[in-house]
Protein backbone atom coordinates (compact mmCIF):
# COMPACT_ATOMS: atom_id res chain seq x y z
CA UNK A 1 103.39 124.65 56.11
CA UNK A 2 100.34 125.07 58.27
CA UNK A 3 101.38 122.17 60.40
CA UNK A 4 104.66 123.37 60.64
CA UNK A 5 103.87 126.73 61.98
CA UNK A 6 101.35 124.99 64.51
CA UNK A 7 104.12 123.08 65.62
CA UNK A 8 106.19 126.07 66.21
CA UNK A 9 103.61 127.95 68.37
CA UNK A 10 103.16 125.07 70.27
CA UNK A 11 106.79 124.80 70.96
CA UNK A 12 107.11 128.46 71.69
CA UNK A 13 104.05 128.12 73.89
CA UNK A 14 105.77 125.18 75.85
CA UNK A 15 109.31 127.45 76.31
CA UNK A 16 107.38 130.14 77.70
CA UNK A 17 105.33 128.04 80.36
CA UNK A 18 109.01 126.81 81.32
CA UNK A 19 110.26 130.17 81.31
CA UNK A 20 107.23 131.39 83.48
CA UNK A 21 107.72 128.52 86.17
CA UNK A 22 111.44 129.44 86.32
CA UNK A 23 111.26 132.97 86.35
CA UNK A 24 108.12 133.90 88.25
CA UNK A 25 106.88 130.70 90.42
CA UNK A 26 109.93 130.04 92.32
CA UNK A 27 112.93 131.29 93.91
CA UNK A 28 115.87 131.37 91.64
CA UNK A 29 117.87 129.83 94.59
CA UNK A 30 115.44 127.18 95.18
CA UNK A 31 115.80 125.98 91.42
CA UNK A 32 119.27 126.25 91.23
CA UNK A 33 119.56 123.80 94.77
CA UNK A 34 117.25 121.43 92.93
CA UNK A 35 119.21 121.49 89.84
CA UNK A 36 122.24 120.66 91.92
CA UNK A 37 120.72 117.90 93.65
CA UNK A 38 119.39 116.48 90.48
CA UNK A 39 122.14 117.13 88.28
CA UNK A 40 120.26 118.62 85.57
CA UNK A 41 119.71 122.17 84.06
CA UNK A 42 117.38 124.83 84.85
CA UNK A 43 115.37 124.31 81.26
CA UNK A 44 115.00 120.37 82.14
CA UNK A 45 112.48 121.34 84.76
CA UNK A 46 108.96 121.73 83.56
CA UNK A 47 107.25 121.84 87.07
CA UNK A 48 107.48 120.03 90.28
CA UNK A 49 105.72 119.58 93.75
CA UNK A 50 107.94 119.91 96.83
CA UNK A 51 106.99 119.05 100.29
CA UNK A 52 109.43 119.82 103.06
CA UNK A 53 109.42 117.64 106.27
CA UNK A 54 111.61 117.51 109.63
CA UNK A 55 114.24 114.99 109.24
CA UNK A 56 115.55 114.81 112.52
CA UNK A 57 114.94 111.46 114.49
CA UNK A 58 112.66 111.28 117.48
CA UNK A 59 114.15 111.93 120.67
CA UNK A 60 113.17 110.68 124.30
CA UNK A 61 113.68 113.55 126.80
CA UNK A 62 112.36 114.69 130.38
CA UNK A 63 114.14 114.19 133.88
CA UNK A 64 112.67 110.61 133.92
CA UNK A 65 112.56 110.18 130.16
CA UNK A 66 109.19 110.29 130.25
CA UNK A 67 108.67 112.37 127.00
CA UNK A 68 108.88 111.81 123.14
CA UNK A 69 109.54 114.76 121.02
CA UNK A 70 109.28 113.94 117.09
CA UNK A 71 107.56 115.24 114.00
CA UNK A 72 104.37 113.80 113.10
CA UNK A 73 103.29 112.27 116.15
CA UNK A 74 99.89 112.93 115.13
CA UNK A 75 99.40 110.39 113.83
CA UNK A 76 102.11 108.27 113.76
CA UNK A 77 101.80 107.17 117.39
CA UNK A 78 98.36 105.23 116.54
CA UNK A 79 99.67 104.15 113.33
CA UNK A 80 102.57 102.19 115.19
CA UNK A 81 100.23 101.16 118.29
CA UNK A 82 97.63 99.82 115.68
CA UNK A 83 99.89 97.59 113.71
CA UNK A 84 102.06 96.47 116.70
CA UNK A 85 98.55 95.79 118.50
CA UNK A 86 97.10 93.52 115.42
CA UNK A 87 100.59 91.59 115.46
CA UNK A 88 100.73 91.15 119.17
CA UNK A 89 97.04 89.84 118.99
CA UNK A 90 97.70 87.17 116.65
CA UNK A 91 99.26 85.10 119.26
CA UNK A 92 95.88 84.71 120.98
CA UNK A 93 92.78 83.14 119.89
CA UNK A 94 92.95 83.94 116.27
CA UNK A 95 92.23 80.28 115.24
CA UNK A 96 88.82 80.63 117.01
CA UNK A 97 87.78 84.32 115.96
CA UNK A 98 84.61 84.67 113.89
CA UNK A 99 85.70 88.20 112.88
CA UNK A 100 88.37 89.63 110.56
CA UNK A 101 90.92 91.63 112.19
CA UNK A 102 92.33 94.82 110.52
CA UNK A 103 94.28 97.89 110.74
CA UNK A 104 94.25 100.71 107.96
CA UNK A 105 96.41 103.68 107.71
CA UNK A 106 95.11 106.33 105.54
CA UNK A 107 96.55 109.08 103.59
CA UNK A 108 95.72 112.68 103.51
CA UNK A 109 93.71 112.82 106.84
CA UNK A 110 95.03 116.21 107.94
CA UNK A 111 93.69 117.91 104.38
CA UNK A 112 90.27 116.36 104.42
CA UNK A 113 90.54 112.80 103.34
CA UNK A 114 89.10 113.57 99.89
CA UNK A 115 91.56 111.78 97.71
CA UNK A 116 91.80 108.28 95.87
CA UNK A 117 93.46 106.79 99.08
CA UNK A 118 91.81 108.82 101.67
CA UNK A 119 88.81 107.71 104.07
CA UNK A 120 86.38 109.74 101.82
CA UNK A 121 87.11 107.43 98.71
CA UNK A 122 85.57 104.11 97.90
CA UNK A 123 88.66 102.18 98.72
CA UNK A 124 87.64 101.01 102.17
CA UNK A 125 84.12 99.69 101.12
CA UNK A 126 85.57 97.90 98.30
CA UNK A 127 88.15 96.19 99.97
CA UNK A 128 85.56 95.24 102.74
CA UNK A 129 83.22 94.14 100.02
CA UNK A 130 85.75 91.53 98.64
CA UNK A 131 86.51 90.59 101.96
CA UNK A 132 83.23 89.76 103.22
CA UNK A 133 82.17 88.00 99.80
CA UNK A 134 85.13 85.89 99.28
CA UNK A 135 83.77 82.86 100.60
CA UNK A 136 79.93 83.45 100.43
CA UNK A 137 77.12 83.46 97.95
CA UNK A 138 74.97 85.53 99.97
CA UNK A 139 74.50 88.77 98.43
CA UNK A 140 73.69 90.58 101.61
CA UNK A 141 76.85 89.40 103.50
CA UNK A 142 78.55 92.69 103.35
CA UNK A 143 75.60 94.73 104.74
CA UNK A 144 75.24 92.22 107.48
CA UNK A 145 78.92 92.34 107.96
CA UNK A 146 79.03 95.92 108.46
CA UNK A 147 76.10 95.98 111.03
CA UNK A 148 78.24 93.42 113.25
CA UNK A 149 81.54 95.31 112.65
CA UNK A 150 83.30 98.01 114.98
CA UNK A 151 85.51 100.58 114.10
CA UNK A 152 88.17 102.06 116.33
CA UNK A 153 89.05 105.51 114.92
CA UNK A 154 92.65 106.03 116.44
CA UNK A 155 93.90 109.48 116.25
CA UNK A 156 96.10 111.59 118.76
CA UNK A 157 94.23 113.87 121.23
CA UNK A 158 94.79 117.42 123.02
CA UNK A 159 96.26 116.97 126.33
CA UNK A 160 95.65 119.80 128.68
CA UNK A 161 98.12 122.85 128.10
CA UNK A 162 98.87 124.42 131.55
CA UNK A 163 98.94 127.83 129.87
CA UNK A 164 95.61 127.16 128.20
CA UNK A 165 93.32 125.30 130.53
CA UNK A 166 90.45 127.35 130.18
CA UNK A 167 90.02 126.10 126.39
CA UNK A 168 88.66 122.58 128.25
CA UNK A 169 85.95 121.76 130.19
CA UNK A 170 86.51 121.75 133.80
CA UNK A 171 85.91 117.85 133.99
CA UNK A 172 87.41 116.89 131.11
CA UNK A 173 91.00 117.76 131.01
CA UNK A 174 93.43 114.95 129.69
CA UNK A 175 96.76 114.89 130.87
CA UNK A 176 99.87 113.02 129.61
CA UNK A 177 100.70 109.66 131.18
CA UNK A 178 96.78 109.03 132.22
CA UNK A 179 96.14 106.69 129.34
CA UNK A 180 94.39 106.92 126.05
CA UNK A 181 91.47 109.38 125.36
CA UNK A 182 88.11 108.61 124.54
CA UNK A 183 86.97 111.68 122.27
CA UNK A 184 83.34 113.06 122.49
CA UNK A 185 81.58 115.94 120.29
CA UNK A 186 77.90 116.96 120.22
CA UNK A 187 78.39 118.19 116.66
CA UNK A 188 79.50 114.75 115.35
CA UNK A 189 83.32 115.58 114.76
CA UNK A 190 83.99 112.58 116.60
CA UNK A 191 81.94 109.52 116.05
CA UNK A 192 81.86 108.13 119.88
CA UNK A 193 78.46 107.30 121.16
CA UNK A 194 77.54 105.90 124.53
CA UNK A 195 77.52 102.36 123.37
CA UNK A 196 80.69 102.32 121.44
CA UNK A 197 82.62 104.01 124.33
CA UNK A 198 81.42 101.14 126.49
CA UNK A 199 82.97 98.70 124.40
CA UNK A 200 86.58 100.44 124.69
CA UNK A 201 85.83 100.76 128.60
CA UNK A 202 85.27 96.93 129.06
CA UNK A 203 88.31 96.08 127.08
CA UNK A 204 90.63 98.71 129.20
CA UNK A 205 88.90 97.41 132.74
CA UNK A 206 89.61 93.93 132.11
CA UNK A 207 93.39 94.63 131.29
CA UNK A 208 93.89 97.81 133.40
CA UNK A 209 94.72 100.11 130.97
CA UNK A 210 93.66 103.70 132.11
CA UNK A 211 91.13 105.86 130.19
CA UNK A 212 90.41 109.66 129.91
CA UNK A 213 87.91 111.69 128.18
CA UNK A 214 87.93 114.37 125.96
CA UNK A 215 85.11 116.84 124.78
CA UNK A 216 85.46 120.24 123.10
CA UNK A 217 83.90 123.33 124.72
CA UNK A 218 80.88 124.14 122.99
CA UNK A 219 82.12 127.97 122.07
CA UNK A 220 85.33 126.42 120.78
CA UNK A 221 86.03 124.86 117.01
CA UNK A 222 86.94 121.61 116.64
CA UNK A 223 88.82 119.38 114.28
CA UNK A 224 87.78 115.98 113.10
CA UNK A 225 88.81 112.16 112.36
CA UNK A 226 88.23 109.70 109.91
CA UNK A 227 85.76 108.60 112.14
CA UNK A 228 82.86 110.18 111.21
CA UNK A 229 83.75 109.84 107.78
CA UNK A 230 83.74 106.25 107.93
CA UNK A 231 80.85 105.90 110.17
CA UNK A 232 78.79 108.14 107.78
CA UNK A 233 79.84 105.96 104.75
CA UNK A 234 79.46 102.66 106.15
CA UNK A 235 77.25 102.94 108.78
CA UNK A 236 79.53 101.12 111.26
CA UNK A 237 79.69 101.52 115.01
CA UNK A 238 82.67 103.82 115.58
CA UNK A 239 84.58 105.06 118.88
CA UNK A 240 87.35 108.02 118.90
CA UNK A 241 90.18 107.36 120.63
CA UNK A 242 93.79 108.60 121.14
CA UNK A 243 97.13 109.20 122.79
CA UNK A 244 97.30 112.65 124.77
CA UNK A 245 99.95 115.19 123.34
CA UNK A 246 101.12 118.56 123.37
CA UNK A 247 102.28 121.03 120.35
CA UNK A 248 99.70 119.54 117.85
CA UNK A 249 100.42 119.81 114.16
CA UNK A 250 103.90 121.57 115.26
CA UNK A 251 106.97 120.76 113.57
CA UNK A 252 108.17 119.10 116.58
CA UNK A 253 105.18 117.24 118.95
CA UNK A 254 105.45 115.95 122.31
CA UNK A 255 103.66 113.12 123.95
CA UNK A 256 104.28 110.72 126.55
CA UNK A 257 106.21 107.49 126.64
CA UNK A 258 103.46 105.75 128.29
CA UNK A 259 101.02 106.19 125.45
CA UNK A 260 102.85 103.86 123.12
CA UNK A 261 102.28 101.00 126.08
CA UNK A 262 98.84 101.94 126.61
CA UNK A 263 97.65 102.12 123.26
CA UNK A 264 99.10 99.21 121.85
CA UNK A 265 97.92 97.07 124.75
CA UNK A 266 94.19 98.70 123.99
CA UNK A 267 94.20 98.12 120.35
CA UNK A 268 95.67 94.26 121.02
CA UNK A 269 93.09 93.30 123.45
CA UNK A 270 90.36 95.30 121.60
CA UNK A 271 90.99 92.52 118.53
CA UNK A 272 90.99 89.88 120.85
CA UNK A 273 88.13 90.49 123.05
CA UNK A 274 85.28 92.12 120.86
CA UNK A 275 84.02 88.99 119.58
CA UNK A 276 82.97 88.18 123.28
CA UNK A 277 81.89 91.62 124.03
CA UNK A 278 79.90 91.95 120.98
CA UNK A 279 77.77 89.13 122.19
CA UNK A 280 77.04 90.81 125.60
CA UNK A 281 75.76 94.11 124.06
CA UNK A 282 72.60 95.21 122.41
CA UNK A 283 72.72 97.82 119.77
CA UNK A 284 76.25 96.86 118.19
């Protein structure tokens, strides 16, 4: 009898939870739409997570078709460019490359990267450890590999908005169609240093890729990237770069078509050229 009463109390609490979720936590119309889409009853829904996203396809616009209007350009531009750059680099010098070429795409960067699949997790370190020790008995192989590695943290950057030009430093005003941007921040919101920026400059100069610079004013707040996170966790040399864009984090962002080409070429040639550049530098 006691067990039976306990079960009834538990069931009643469960039903009350469902009633609370339906009645108080969500709009009835939303619940109705969900039930229609899933062909279920309201009492079948215990709880849910729902994220809304713009489903309209990206479009090319401008008088010369020079702009891209799309949701999530930050950071789909560099996700696409890095993968395409990696694939394109495989046609050249791969057989003689002493390094491992990698492109990593993370979840949850916009909300702090603190997730099982985010840059703050141990996932990156675990993968790199397995790669560095796969065919090597040396217990210090992983640590020595990090010391000779290089990370390009690729994330979109703010181009100069003509209505808010005072938000940029006078000499650091990146524009559309003028190439990828190297990002600096004295508070280490970006991981770029003089040495790591030089690596990217060498690649860009060799292949005729234009570069720009961006530095946040000292009296302005600044977002960050996975660059400082991974640089601090792994002790790996890092540079923060990205293509210029407007309407950052709005539902419909805007960038230039030339960014796709410039970023892809930059990442492709970085994969190919880094081993030789590395030999010529001290401190990498």
